[in-house]
PDB file of N, CA and C in Angstrom:
ATOM      1  N   UNK A   1       0.796  -1.179   0.121  1.00  0.00           N
ATOM      2  CA  UNK A   1      -0.270  -0.188   0.225  1.00  0.00           C
ATOM      3  C   UNK A   1       0.926   1.081   0.250  1.00  0.00           C
ATOM      4  N   UNK A   2       0.619   1.822  -1.132  1.00  0.00           N
ATOM      5  CA  UNK A   2       1.651   3.383  -0.953  1.00  0.00           C
ATOM      6  C   UNK A   2       1.550   4.294   0.686  1.00  0.00           C
ATOM      7  N   UNK A   3       2.580   4.615   0.935  1.00  0.00           N
ATOM      8  CA  UNK A   3       2.681   5.583   2.072  1.00  0.00           C
ATOM      9  C   UNK A   3       2.836   4.476   3.378  1.00  0.00           C
ATOM     10  N   UNK A   4       2.239   2.862   3.147  1.00  0.00           N
ATOM     11  CA  UNK A   4       2.769   2.384   4.296  1.00  0.00           C
ATOM     12  C   UNK A   4       3.622   2.428   4.821  1.00  0.00           C
ATOM     13  N   UNK A   5       3.804   2.600   6.551  1.00  0.00           N
ATOM     14  CA  UNK A   5       5.138   2.119   7.068  1.00  0.00           C
ATOM     15  C   UNK A   5       5.221   1.163   7.628  1.00  0.00           C
ATOM     16  N   UNK A   6       6.265   0.095   7.772  1.00  0.00           N
ATOM     17  CA  UNK A   6       6.089  -1.619   8.514  1.00  0.00           C
ATOM     18  C   UNK A   6       7.264  -0.848   9.580  1.00  0.00           C
ATOM     19  N   UNK A   7       6.726  -1.220  10.568  1.00  0.00           N
ATOM     20  CA  UNK A   7       7.799  -1.290  12.252  1.00  0.00           C
ATOM     21  C   UNK A   7       8.485  -2.256  12.461  1.00  0.00           C
ATOM     22  N   UNK A   8       9.693  -2.510  12.574  1.00  0.00           N
ATOM     23  CA  UNK A   8       9.942  -3.758  12.922  1.00  0.00           C
ATOM     24  C   UNK A   8       9.562  -3.721  14.774  1.00  0.00           C
ATOM     25  N   UNK A   9      10.395  -4.900  14.985  1.00  0.00           N
ATOM     26  CA  UNK A   9       9.401  -5.203  16.237  1.00  0.00           C
ATOM     27  C   UNK A   9      11.172  -5.099  17.386  1.00  0.00           C
ATOM     28  N   UNK A  10      12.004  -5.303  16.722  1.00  0.00           N
ATOM     29  CA  UNK A  10      13.575  -5.528  16.965  1.00  0.00           C
ATOM     30  C   UNK A  10      14.017  -3.843  17.377  1.00  0.00           C
ATOM     31  N   UNK A  11      14.746  -3.233  18.209  1.00  0.00           N
ATOM     32  CA  UNK A  11      15.556  -2.130  18.424  1.00  0.00           C
ATOM     33  C   UNK A  11      16.167  -1.960  17.137  1.00  0.00           C
ATOM     34  N   UNK A  12      16.395  -0.762  17.044  1.00  0.00           N
ATOM     35  CA  UNK A  12      17.582  -0.651  16.190  1.00  0.00           C
ATOM     36  C   UNK A  12      18.927  -0.325  16.992  1.00  0.00           C
ATOM     37  N   UNK A  13      20.105  -0.717  16.469  1.00  0.00           N
ATOM     38  CA  UNK A  13      21.223  -0.468  16.893  1.00  0.00           C
ATOM     39  C   UNK A  13      21.722   1.298  16.515  1.00  0.00           C
ATOM     40  N   UNK A  14      22.619   1.525  17.386  1.00  0.00           N
ATOM     41  CA  UNK A  14      23.346   2.979  16.915  1.00  0.00           C
ATOM     42  C   UNK A  14      24.875   2.502  16.517  1.00  0.00           C
ATOM     43  N   UNK A  15      24.796   3.105  15.497  1.00  0.00           N
ATOM     44  CA  UNK A  15      26.527   3.200  15.127  1.00  0.00           C
ATOM     45  C   UNK A  15      26.858   1.626  15.029  1.00  0.00           C
ATOM     46  N   UNK A  16      26.113   0.857  14.960  1.00  0.00           N
ATOM     47  CA  UNK A  16      26.608  -0.677  14.660  1.00  0.00           C
ATOM     48  C   UNK A  16      28.134  -1.115  14.369  1.00  0.00           C
ATOM     49  N   UNK A  17      29.026  -1.548  14.677  1.00  0.00           N
ATOM     50  CA  UNK A  17      30.380  -1.929  14.554  1.00  0.00           C
ATOM     51  C   UNK A  17      31.481  -1.096  14.644  1.00  0.00           C
ATOM     52  N   UNK A  18      30.643   0.369  15.123  1.00  0.00           N
ATOM     53  CA  UNK A  18      31.898   1.611  15.517  1.00  0.00           C
ATOM     54  C   UNK A  18      32.578   1.144  16.843  1.00  0.00           C
ATOM     55  N   UNK A  19      33.715   1.441  17.319  1.00  0.00           N
ATOM     56  CA  UNK A  19      34.476   1.514  18.582  1.00  0.00           C
ATOM     57  C   UNK A  19      33.653   2.832  19.392  1.00  0.00           C
ATOM     58  N   UNK A  20      33.470   2.105  20.460  1.00  0.00           N
ATOM     59  CA  UNK A  20      32.861   3.283  21.263  1.00  0.00           C
ATOM     60  C   UNK A  20      33.908   3.354  22.576  1.00  0.00           C
ATOM     61  N   UNK A  21      34.417   4.803  22.517  1.00  0.00           N
ATOM     62  CA  UNK A  21      34.966   5.168  23.746  1.00  0.00           C
ATOM     63  C   UNK A  21      34.442   6.001  24.583  1.00  0.00           C
ATOM     64  N   UNK A  22      34.435   5.324  25.915  1.00  0.00           N
ATOM     65  CA  UNK A  22      33.879   5.942  27.469  1.00  0.00           C
ATOM     66  C   UNK A  22      34.635   6.736  27.936  1.00  0.00           C
ATOM     67  N   UNK A  23      34.149   8.233  28.156  1.00  0.00           N
ATOM     68  CA  UNK A  23      34.707   8.888  28.949  1.00  0.00           C
ATOM     69  C   UNK A  23      33.581   9.402  30.041  1.00  0.00           C
ATOM     70  N   UNK A  24      35.092  10.175  31.375  1.00  0.00           N
ATOM     71  CA  UNK A  24      34.241  10.493  32.098  1.00  0.00           C
ATOM     72  C   UNK A  24      34.250  12.162  31.852  1.00  0.00           C
ATOM     73  N   UNK A  25      33.349  13.000  32.065  1.00  0.00           N
ATOM     74  CA  UNK A  25      32.959  14.509  31.955  1.00  0.00           C
ATOM     75  C   UNK A  25      32.341  14.966  32.881  1.00  0.00           C
ATOM     76  N   UNK A  26      33.021  16.301  33.537  1.00  0.00           N
ATOM     77  CA  UNK A  26      32.743  16.837  34.885  1.00  0.00           C
ATOM     78  C   UNK A  26      32.486  18.402  33.900  1.00  0.00           C
ATOM     79  N   UNK A  27      31.491  18.975  34.245  1.00  0.00           N
ATOM     80  CA  UNK A  27      30.956  20.230  34.035  1.00  0.00           C
ATOM     81  C   UNK A  27      31.430  21.729  35.223  1.00  0.00           C
ATOM     82  N   UNK A  28      32.366  21.986  34.948  1.00  0.00           N
ATOM     83  CA  UNK A  28      33.289  22.767  36.471  1.00  0.00           C
ATOM     84  C   UNK A  28      32.574  24.100  36.252  1.00  0.00           C
ATOM     85  N   UNK A  29      31.337  24.525  35.189  1.00  0.00           N
ATOM     86  CA  UNK A  29      30.857  25.900  35.275  1.00  0.00           C
ATOM     87  C   UNK A  29      30.035  26.113  35.928  1.00  0.00           C
ATOM     88  N   UNK A  30      29.095  26.864  36.494  1.00  0.00           N
ATOM     89  CA  UNK A  30      28.146  26.905  37.176  1.00  0.00           C
ATOM     90  C   UNK A  30      26.911  27.367  36.281  1.00  0.00           C
ATOM     91  N   UNK A  31      26.753  26.513  35.061  1.00  0.00           N
ATOM     92  CA  UNK A  31      25.172  26.735  34.465  1.00  0.00           C
ATOM     93  C   UNK A  31      25.506  25.289  33.643  1.00  0.00           C
ATOM     94  N   UNK A  32      24.521  24.997  33.416  1.00  0.00           N
ATOM     95  CA  UNK A  32      24.386  23.788  32.382  1.00  0.00           C
ATOM     96  C   UNK A  32      25.022  23.739  31.185  1.00  0.00           C
ATOM     97  N   UNK A  33      25.687  22.627  30.277  1.00  0.00           N
ATOM     98  CA  UNK A  33      26.037  22.666  29.240  1.00  0.00           C
ATOM     99  C   UNK A  33      25.058  21.729  28.485  1.00  0.00           C
ATOM    100  N   UNK A  34      25.333  21.752  27.292  1.00  0.00           N
ATOM    101  CA  UNK A  34      24.285  21.008  26.490  1.00  0.00           C
ATOM    102  C   UNK A  34      25.194  20.553  25.205  1.00  0.00           C
ATOM    103  N   UNK A  35      25.354  19.279  24.471  1.00  0.00           N
ATOM    104  CA  UNK A  35      26.596  18.863  23.495  1.00  0.00           C
ATOM    105  C   UNK A  35      25.250  18.387  22.737  1.00  0.00           C
ATOM    106  N   UNK A  36      25.504  18.940  21.274  1.00  0.00           N
ATOM    107  CA  UNK A  36      24.623  18.217  20.520  1.00  0.00           C
ATOM    108  C   UNK A  36      25.077  16.819  19.833  1.00  0.00           C
ATOM    109  N   UNK A  37      24.312  16.013  19.554  1.00  0.00           N
ATOM    110  CA  UNK A  37      24.862  14.556  18.586  1.00  0.00           C
ATOM    111  C   UNK A  37      25.967  14.632  17.727  1.00  0.00           C
ATOM    112  N   UNK A  38      26.317  15.732  17.181  1.00  0.00           N
ATOM    113  CA  UNK A  38      27.321  15.603  15.891  1.00  0.00           C
ATOM    114  C   UNK A  38      28.365  16.451  16.245  1.00  0.00           C
ATOM    115  N   UNK A  39      28.570  17.109  17.439  1.00  0.00           N
ATOM    116  CA  UNK A  39      29.376  18.344  17.538  1.00  0.00           C
ATOM    117  C   UNK A  39      31.007  17.234  17.492  1.00  0.00           C
ATOM    118  N   UNK A  40      31.708  17.691  17.024  1.00  0.00           N
ATOM    119  CA  UNK A  40      33.090  16.671  17.611  1.00  0.00           C
ATOM    120  C   UNK A  40      33.299  17.255  18.177  1.00  0.00           C
ATOM    121  N   UNK A  41      33.065  16.478  19.790  1.00  0.00           N
ATOM    122  CA  UNK A  41      33.591  16.426  21.400  1.00  0.00           C
ATOM    123  C   UNK A  41      34.540  16.868  21.825  1.00  0.00           C
ATOM    124  N   UNK A  42      35.835  17.060  21.290  1.00  0.00           N
ATOM    125  CA  UNK A  42      36.957  18.223  21.937  1.00  0.00           C
ATOM    126  C   UNK A  42      36.613  19.378  21.371  1.00  0.00           C
ATOM    127  N   UNK A  43      35.555  19.908  21.175  1.00  0.00           N
ATOM    128  CA  UNK A  43      34.998  21.133  20.527  1.00  0.00           C
ATOM    129  C   UNK A  43      34.280  22.121  21.593  1.00  0.00           C
ATOM    130  N   UNK A  44      33.794  20.773  22.395  1.00  0.00           N
ATOM    131  CA  UNK A  44      32.851  21.275  23.232  1.00  0.00           C
ATOM    132  C   UNK A  44      33.002  22.172  24.469  1.00  0.00           C
ATOM    133  N   UNK A  45      32.006  22.835  24.810  1.00  0.00           N
ATOM    134  CA  UNK A  45      32.137  23.773  25.974  1.00  0.00           C
ATOM    135  C   UNK A  45      33.649  23.524  26.735  1.00  0.00           C
ATOM    136  N   UNK A  46      34.206  24.955  27.039  1.00  0.00           N
ATOM    137  CA  UNK A  46      35.439  24.541  27.827  1.00  0.00           C
ATOM    138  C   UNK A  46      35.525  24.625  28.882  1.00  0.00           C
ATOM    139  N   UNK A  47      33.866  24.814  29.740  1.00  0.00           N
ATOM    140  CA  UNK A  47      34.042  24.161  31.281  1.00  0.00           C
ATOM    141  C   UNK A  47      33.648  22.624  31.310  1.00  0.00           C
ATOM    142  N   UNK A  48      33.723  22.262  30.190  1.00  0.00           N
ATOM    143  CA  UNK A  48      33.071  20.692  30.537  1.00  0.00           C
ATOM    144  C   UNK A  48      35.243  19.623  30.503  1.00  0.00           C
ATOM    145  N   UNK A  49      35.292  19.361  31.752  1.00  0.00           N
ATOM    146  CA  UNK A  49      36.382  18.654  32.117  1.00  0.00           C
ATOM    147  C   UNK A  49      36.594  17.292  31.550  1.00  0.00           C
ATOM    148  N   UNK A  50      37.548  16.476  30.546  1.00  0.00           N
ATOM    149  CA  UNK A  50      37.731  15.502  30.200  1.00  0.00           C
ATOM    150  C   UNK A  50      38.655  15.669  29.340  1.00  0.00           C
ATOM    151  N   UNK A  51      39.404  14.223  28.741  1.00  0.00           N
ATOM    152  CA  UNK A  51      40.579  13.912  27.795  1.00  0.00           C
ATOM    153  C   UNK A  51      40.180  14.296  26.739  1.00  0.00           C
ATOM    154  N   UNK A  52      40.649  15.525  26.228  1.00  0.00           N
ATOM    155  CA  UNK A  52      40.415  15.810  24.840  1.00  0.00           C
ATOM    156  C   UNK A  52      40.792  15.288  24.115  1.00  0.00           C
ATOM    157  N   UNK A  53      42.280  14.937  24.349  1.00  0.00           N
ATOM    158  CA  UNK A  53      42.880  14.115  23.416  1.00  0.00           C
ATOM    159  C   UNK A  53      41.839  12.672  23.268  1.00  0.00           C
ATOM    160  N   UNK A  54      41.627  11.855  23.800  1.00  0.00           N
ATOM    161  CA  UNK A  54      41.049  10.794  23.874  1.00  0.00           C
ATOM    162  C   UNK A  54      39.603  10.789  22.876  1.00  0.00           C
ATOM    163  N   UNK A  55      39.193  11.907  23.113  1.00  0.00           N
ATOM    164  CA  UNK A  55      37.879  12.444  22.295  1.00  0.00           C
ATOM    165  C   UNK A  55      38.119  12.884  20.895  1.00  0.00           C
ATOM    166  N   UNK A  56      39.666  12.974  20.405  1.00  0.00           N
ATOM    167  CA  UNK A  56      39.772  13.565  19.470  1.00  0.00           C
ATOM    168  C   UNK A  56      39.152  12.755  17.921  1.00  0.00           C
ATOM    169  N   UNK A  57      38.395  13.483  17.226  1.00  0.00           N
ATOM    170  CA  UNK A  57      37.751  12.202  16.042  1.00  0.00           C
ATOM    171  C   UNK A  57      36.206  12.047  16.189  1.00  0.00           C
ATOM    172  N   UNK A  58      35.966  11.890  17.648  1.00  0.00           N
ATOM    173  CA  UNK A  58      34.629  11.227  18.062  1.00  0.00           C
ATOM    174  C   UNK A  58      33.574  12.183  18.242  1.00  0.00           C
ATOM    175  N   UNK A  59      32.274  12.151  18.279  1.00  0.00           N
ATOM    176  CA  UNK A  59      31.190  12.392  18.720  1.00  0.00           C
ATOM    177  C   UNK A  59      30.823  11.545  19.487  1.00  0.00           C
ATOM    178  N   UNK A  60      28.966  12.193  20.155  1.00  0.00           N
ATOM    179  CA  UNK A  60      28.307  11.253  20.841  1.00  0.00           C
ATOM    180  C   UNK A  60      27.769  10.417  20.468  1.00  0.00           C
ATOM    181  N   UNK A  61      28.028   9.001  21.081  1.00  0.00           N
ATOM    182  CA  UNK A  61      26.681   8.133  20.742  1.00  0.00           C
ATOM    183  C   UNK A  61      25.761   7.942  20.920  1.00  0.00           C
ATOM    184  N   UNK A  62      25.024   9.044  20.281  1.00  0.00           N
ATOM    185  CA  UNK A  62      23.569   9.411  20.941  1.00  0.00           C
ATOM    186  C   UNK A  62      22.706   9.383  19.753  1.00  0.00           C
ATOM    187  N   UNK A  63      21.281   9.404  19.589  1.00  0.00           N
ATOM    188  CA  UNK A  63      20.722   9.275  18.308  1.00  0.00           C
ATOM    189  C   UNK A  63      20.699  10.991  17.818  1.00  0.00           C
ATOM    190  N   UNK A  64      21.076  10.843  16.184  1.00  0.00           N
ATOM    191  CA  UNK A  64      20.620  12.026  15.524  1.00  0.00           C
ATOM    192  C   UNK A  64      19.754  12.936  15.889  1.00  0.00           C
ATOM    193  N   UNK A  65      20.254  14.573  16.437  1.00  0.00           N
ATOM    194  CA  UNK A  65      19.600  15.487  16.824  1.00  0.00           C
ATOM    195  C   UNK A  65      19.027  15.550  17.807  1.00  0.00           C
ATOM    196  N   UNK A  66      19.249  14.886  18.970  1.00  0.00           N
ATOM    197  CA  UNK A  66      19.665  14.446  20.276  1.00  0.00           C
ATOM    198  C   UNK A  66      20.652  15.428  20.683  1.00  0.00           C
ATOM    199  N   UNK A  67      20.968  15.791  22.259  1.00  0.00           N
ATOM    200  CA  UNK A  67      21.783  16.243  23.006  1.00  0.00           C
ATOM    201  C   UNK A  67      22.182  15.737  24.566  1.00  0.00           C
ATOM    202  N   UNK A  68      23.034  16.002  24.900  1.00  0.00           N
ATOM    203  CA  UNK A  68      23.562  15.487  26.665  1.00  0.00           C
ATOM    204  C   UNK A  68      23.686  16.779  27.425  1.00  0.00           C
ATOM    205  N   UNK A  69      22.968  16.734  28.443  1.00  0.00           N
ATOM    206  CA  UNK A  69      22.710  17.811  29.154  1.00  0.00           C
ATOM    207  C   UNK A  69      24.198  17.628  30.477  1.00  0.00           C
ATOM    208  N   UNK A  70      24.747  18.138  30.650  1.00  0.00           N
ATOM    209  CA  UNK A  70      25.928  18.423  31.858  1.00  0.00           C
ATOM    210  C   UNK A  70      25.708  19.172  32.888  1.00  0.00           C
ATOM    211  N   UNK A  71      25.220  19.108  34.080  1.00  0.00           N
ATOM    212  CA  UNK A  71      25.138  19.940  34.776  1.00  0.00           C
ATOM    213  C   UNK A  71      26.073  20.131  35.646  1.00  0.00           C
ATOM    214  N   UNK A  72      26.094  21.449  35.925  1.00  0.00           N
ATOM    215  CA  UNK A  72      27.373  22.117  37.328  1.00  0.00           C
ATOM    216  C   UNK A  72      27.334  21.190  38.320  1.00  0.00           C
ATOM    217  N   UNK A  73      29.166  21.078  38.302  1.00  0.00           N
ATOM    218  CA  UNK A  73      29.312  20.231  39.434  1.00  0.00           C
ATOM    219  C   UNK A  73      29.119  18.745  39.264  1.00  0.00           C
ATOM    220  N   UNK A  74      28.502  18.375  38.164  1.00  0.00           N
ATOM    221  CA  UNK A  74      28.645  17.016  37.826  1.00  0.00           C
ATOM    222  C   UNK A  74      28.999  16.041  37.152  1.00  0.00           C
ATOM    223  N   UNK A  75      29.525  14.877  37.516  1.00  0.00           N
ATOM    224  CA  UNK A  75      30.287  14.205  36.196  1.00  0.00           C
ATOM    225  C   UNK A  75      29.571  12.832  36.151  1.00  0.00           C
ATOM    226  N   UNK A  76      29.588  12.944  34.806  1.00  0.00           N
ATOM    227  CA  UNK A  76      28.876  11.547  34.338  1.00  0.00           C
ATOM    228  C   UNK A  76      29.881  11.075  32.907  1.00  0.00           C
ATOM    229  N   UNK A  77      29.326   9.805  32.510  1.00  0.00           N
ATOM    230  CA  UNK A  77      30.193   8.849  31.404  1.00  0.00           C
ATOM    231  C   UNK A  77      29.360   9.313  30.449  1.00  0.00           C
ATOM    232  N   UNK A  78      29.941   9.012  29.209  1.00  0.00           N
ATOM    233  CA  UNK A  78      29.578   9.325  27.932  1.00  0.00           C
ATOM    234  C   UNK A  78      30.061   8.157  27.117  1.00  0.00           C
ATOM    235  N   UNK A  79      29.539   7.767  25.886  1.00  0.00           N
ATOM    236  CA  UNK A  79      30.245   7.067  25.213  1.00  0.00           C
ATOM    237  C   UNK A  79      30.324   7.784  23.566  1.00  0.00           C
ATOM    238  N   UNK A  80      31.395   7.551  23.249  1.00  0.00           N
ATOM    239  CA  UNK A  80      31.849   8.573  22.119  1.00  0.00           C
ATOM    240  C   UNK A  80      32.033   7.168  21.116  1.00  0.00           C
ATOM    241  N   UNK A  81      31.762   7.800  19.833  1.00  0.00           N
ATOM    242  CA  UNK A  81      32.098   6.720  18.690  1.00  0.00           C
ATOM    243  C   UNK A  81      33.024   7.601  17.168  1.00  0.00           C
ATOM    244  N   UNK A  82      33.406   7.738  16.738  1.00  0.00           N
ATOM    245  CA  UNK A  82      34.082   7.888  15.287  1.00  0.00           C
ATOM    246  C   UNK A  82      33.574   8.657  14.834  1.00  0.00           C
ATOM    247  N   UNK A  83      33.922  10.286  14.026  1.00  0.00           N
ATOM    248  CA  UNK A  83      32.755  10.595  13.284  1.00  0.00           C
ATOM    249  C   UNK A  83      33.185   9.959  11.712  1.00  0.00           C
ATOM    250  N   UNK A  84      32.482  10.095  10.632  1.00  0.00           N
ATOM    251  CA  UNK A  84      32.686   8.969   9.771  1.00  0.00           C
ATOM    252  C   UNK A  84      32.669   9.691   8.612  1.00  0.00           C
ATOM    253  N   UNK A  85      32.495   9.422   7.520  1.00  0.00           N
ATOM    254  CA  UNK A  85      32.948  10.378   6.188  1.00  0.00           C
ATOM    255  C   UNK A  85      33.791  10.623   5.820  1.00  0.00           C
ATOM    256  N   UNK A  86      34.102  11.993   5.575  1.00  0.00           N
ATOM    257  CA  UNK A  86      35.995  12.472   5.011  1.00  0.00           C
ATOM    258  C   UNK A  86      36.450  12.903   6.300  1.00  0.00           C
ATOM    259  N   UNK A  87      35.562  13.001   7.567  1.00  0.00           N
ATOM    260  CA  UNK A  87      36.308  12.824   8.823  1.00  0.00           C
ATOM    261  C   UNK A  87      37.604  14.560   8.539  1.00  0.00           C
ATOM    262  N   UNK A  88      36.576  15.431   7.654  1.00  0.00           N
ATOM    263  CA  UNK A  88      36.909  16.747   7.943  1.00  0.00           C
ATOM    264  C   UNK A  88      35.871  17.836   8.830  1.00  0.00           C
ATOM    265  N   UNK A  89      36.679  18.361   9.609  1.00  0.00           N
ATOM    266  CA  UNK A  89      35.713  19.056  10.564  1.00  0.00           C
ATOM    267  C   UNK A  89      35.895  20.979  10.361  1.00  0.00           C
ATOM    268  N   UNK A  90      34.686  21.392   9.898  1.00  0.00           N
ATOM    269  CA  UNK A  90      35.167  23.085  10.113  1.00  0.00           C
ATOM    270  C   UNK A  90      35.709  23.495  11.487  1.00  0.00           C
ATOM    271  N   UNK A  91      36.418  24.409  11.355  1.00  0.00           N
ATOM    272  CA  UNK A  91      37.168  25.248  12.248  1.00  0.00           C
ATOM    273  C   UNK A  91      35.809  25.857  12.968  1.00  0.00           C
ATOM    274  N   UNK A  92      35.022  25.110  14.093  1.00  0.00           N
ATOM    275  CA  UNK A  92      34.353  25.622  15.030  1.00  0.00           C
ATOM    276  C   UNK A  92      34.456  26.310  16.005  1.00  0.00           C
ATOM    277  N   UNK A  93      35.737  25.958  16.353  1.00  0.00           N
ATOM    278  CA  UNK A  93      36.639  26.363  17.692  1.00  0.00           C
ATOM    279  C   UNK A  93      38.162  26.949  16.684  1.00  0.00           C
ATOM    280  N   UNK A  94      38.978  28.337  17.392  1.00  0.00           N
ATOM    281  CA  UNK A  94      40.159  28.064  16.518  1.00  0.00           C
ATOM    282  C   UNK A  94      41.063  26.889  16.959  1.00  0.00           C
ATOM    283  N   UNK A  95      41.554  25.947  15.930  1.00  0.00           N
ATOM    284  CA  UNK A  95      42.751  25.045  16.291  1.00  0.00           C
ATOM    285  C   UNK A  95      41.800  23.916  16.082  1.00  0.00           C
ATOM    286  N   UNK A  96      41.031  23.484  16.214  1.00  0.00           N
ATOM    287  CA  UNK A  96      40.129  22.669  16.526  1.00  0.00           C
ATOM    288  C   UNK A  96      39.309  21.576  15.109  1.00  0.00           C
ATOM    289  N   UNK A  97      39.527  22.794  14.135  1.00  0.00           N
ATOM    290  CA  UNK A  97      39.032  21.715  12.777  1.00  0.00           C
ATOM    291  C   UNK A  97      39.749  21.468  12.157  1.00  0.00           C
ATOM    292  N   UNK A  98      39.780  20.683  11.269  1.00  0.00           N
ATOM    293  CA  UNK A  98      40.446  20.495  10.120  1.00  0.00           C
ATOM    294  C   UNK A  98      40.284  19.351   9.641  1.00  0.00           C
ATOM    295  N   UNK A  99      41.242  17.953   8.989  1.00  0.00           N
ATOM    296  CA  UNK A  99      41.567  16.898   8.543  1.00  0.00           C
ATOM    297  C   UNK A  99      41.421  16.117  10.148  1.00  0.00           C
ATOM    298  N   UNK A 100      40.769  15.248  10.693  1.00  0.00           N
ATOM    299  CA  UNK A 100      40.630  14.696  11.766  1.00  0.00           C
ATOM    300  C   UNK A 100      41.865  13.390  12.151  1.00  0.00           C
ATOM    301  N   UNK A 101      42.412  12.956  10.669  1.00  0.00           N
ATOM    302  CA  UNK A 101      43.075  11.868  10.879  1.00  0.00           C
ATOM    303  C   UNK A 101      44.797  12.252  10.915  1.00  0.00           C
ATOM    304  N   UNK A 102      44.586  13.701  10.955  1.00  0.00           N
ATOM    305  CA  UNK A 102      46.216  14.107  11.170  1.00  0.00           C
ATOM    306  C   UNK A 102      46.225  14.362  12.576  1.00  0.00           C
ATOM    307  N   UNK A 103      45.915  13.450  13.679  1.00  0.00           N
ATOM    308  CA  UNK A 103      45.973  13.539  15.067  1.00  0.00           C
ATOM    309  C   UNK A 103      44.853  12.142  15.221  1.00  0.00           C
ATOM    310  N   UNK A 104      45.712  11.072  15.560  1.00  0.00           N
ATOM    311  CA  UNK A 104      45.465   9.722  15.541  1.00  0.00           C
ATOM    312  C   UNK A 104      44.714   9.219  17.031  1.00  0.00           C
ATOM    313  N   UNK A 105      44.944  10.468  17.760  1.00  0.00           N
ATOM    314  CA  UNK A 105      44.589   9.237  18.895  1.00  0.00           C
ATOM    315  C   UNK A 105      45.626  10.337  20.463  1.00  0.00           C
ATOM    316  N   UNK A 106      45.534   9.794  21.715  1.00  0.00           N
ATOM    317  CA  UNK A 106      45.849  10.465  22.616  1.00  0.00           C
ATOM    318  C   UNK A 106      47.780  10.017  22.922  1.00  0.00           C
ATOM    319  N   UNK A 107      48.146   9.318  22.168  1.00  0.00           N
ATOM    320  CA  UNK A 107      49.395   8.547  21.927  1.00  0.00           C
ATOM    321  C   UNK A 107      50.046   9.577  20.795  1.00  0.00           C
ATOM    322  N   UNK A 108      49.434  10.797  20.343  1.00  0.00           N
ATOM    323  CA  UNK A 108      50.238  11.410  19.592  1.00  0.00           C
ATOM    324  C   UNK A 108      49.745  13.030  19.612  1.00  0.00           C
ATOM    325  N   UNK A 109      50.705  13.795  18.874  1.00  0.00           N
ATOM    326  CA  UNK A 109      50.773  15.201  19.078  1.00  0.00           C
ATOM    327  C   UNK A 109      49.475  15.542  18.516  1.00  0.00           C
ATOM    328  N   UNK A 110      48.849  16.739  19.450  1.00  0.00           N
ATOM    329  CA  UNK A 110      47.605  17.183  18.854  1.00  0.00           C
ATOM    330  C   UNK A 110      47.819  18.162  17.988  1.00  0.00           C
ATOM    331  N   UNK A 111      47.142  18.604  16.968  1.00  0.00           N
ATOM    332  CA  UNK A 111      47.645  19.683  15.843  1.00  0.00           C
ATOM    333  C   UNK A 111      47.754  20.749  16.619  1.00  0.00           C
ATOM    334  N   UNK A 112      48.405  21.945  16.018  1.00  0.00           N
ATOM    335  CA  UNK A 112      48.993  22.893  16.798  1.00  0.00           C
ATOM    336  C   UNK A 112      47.917  23.960  17.057  1.00  0.00           C
ATOM    337  N   UNK A 113      47.675  24.437  18.315  1.00  0.00           N
ATOM    338  CA  UNK A 113      47.035  25.501  18.866  1.00  0.00           C
ATOM    339  C   UNK A 113      45.808  24.997  19.814  1.00  0.00           C
ATOM    340  N   UNK A 114      45.735  23.229  19.414  1.00  0.00           N
ATOM    341  CA  UNK A 114      44.427  22.510  19.929  1.00  0.00           C
ATOM    342  C   UNK A 114      44.590  22.391  21.711  1.00  0.00           C
ATOM    343  N   UNK A 115      43.890  22.771  22.528  1.00  0.00           N
ATOM    344  CA  UNK A 115      43.841  22.111  23.941  1.00  0.00           C
ATOM    345  C   UNK A 115      44.155  21.211  24.219  1.00  0.00           C
ATOM    346  N   UNK A 116      43.986  20.491  23.478  1.00  0.00           N
ATOM    347  CA  UNK A 116      44.115  18.424  23.673  1.00  0.00           C
ATOM    348  C   UNK A 116      45.693  18.459  23.802  1.00  0.00           C
ATOM    349  N   UNK A 117      46.396  19.334  22.806  1.00  0.00           N
ATOM    350  CA  UNK A 117      47.867  19.588  23.386  1.00  0.00           C
ATOM    351  C   UNK A 117      48.166  19.340  24.138  1.00  0.00           C
ATOM    352  N   UNK A 118      47.757  20.157  25.561  1.00  0.00           N
ATOM    353  CA  UNK A 118      48.079  20.022  26.708  1.00  0.00           C
ATOM    354  C   UNK A 118      47.831  19.057  27.215  1.00  0.00           C
ATOM    355  N   UNK A 119      47.223  17.916  27.043  1.00  0.00           N
ATOM    356  CA  UNK A 119      46.863  16.634  27.743  1.00  0.00           C
ATOM    357  C   UNK A 119      47.381  15.292  27.148  1.00  0.00           C
ATOM    358  N   UNK A 120      47.904  15.643  25.803  1.00  0.00           N
ATOM    359  CA  UNK A 120      48.251  14.531  24.803  1.00  0.00           C
ATOM    360  C   UNK A 120      49.546  14.319  25.265  1.00  0.00           C
ATOM    361  N   UNK A 121      50.130  12.937  25.805  1.00  0.00           N
ATOM    362  CA  UNK A 121      52.080  12.375  26.065  1.00  0.00           C
ATOM    363  C   UNK A 121      52.391  13.124  24.615  1.00  0.00           C
ATOM    364  N   UNK A 122      53.648  13.452  25.094  1.00  0.00           N
ATOM    365  CA  UNK A 122      54.747  13.693  23.880  1.00  0.00           C
ATOM    366  C   UNK A 122      54.919  12.306  23.346  1.00  0.00           C
ATOM    367  N   UNK A 123      55.266  12.610  21.935  1.00  0.00           N
ATOM    368  CA  UNK A 123      55.688  10.933  21.201  1.00  0.00           C
ATOM    369  C   UNK A 123      57.015  11.172  21.205  1.00  0.00           C
ATOM    370  N   UNK A 124      57.972  10.374  21.635  1.00  0.00           N
ATOM    371  CA  UNK A 124      59.123  10.333  21.266  1.00  0.00           C
ATOM    372  C   UNK A 124      59.493   9.340  20.180  1.00  0.00           C
ATOM    373  N   UNK A 125      60.509   9.433  19.116  1.00  0.00           N
ATOM    374  CA  UNK A 125      61.176   8.860  18.147  1.00  0.00           C
ATOM    375  C   UNK A 125      62.125   7.768  18.546  1.00  0.00           C
TER     376      UNK A 125
END
């Protein structure tokens, strides 16, 4: 029948097959902070305290169009998944945009000017 919608009975998995990174995030600010589903997580509000190097190239593992709210002084764990597609993020904040694969994770140097650089271990050759 035209326009008919057939619903499945099983839940639809979010981001099947993608590796999940779990991080603890603390809102050190005095106001709630909300982060949307597709924001490059290291570019989130600076009042959020978390391992930005480990979050590089990742977004929240939540349904599209939703957000996670972080209350002041409250820590919570979040699940992150790698951004897909071309893996290029526009510079939403200075030094936090560009090709994501130029920085492979917390064991390499972060892009110049990125706050993650302060928490990323130095790489020795």
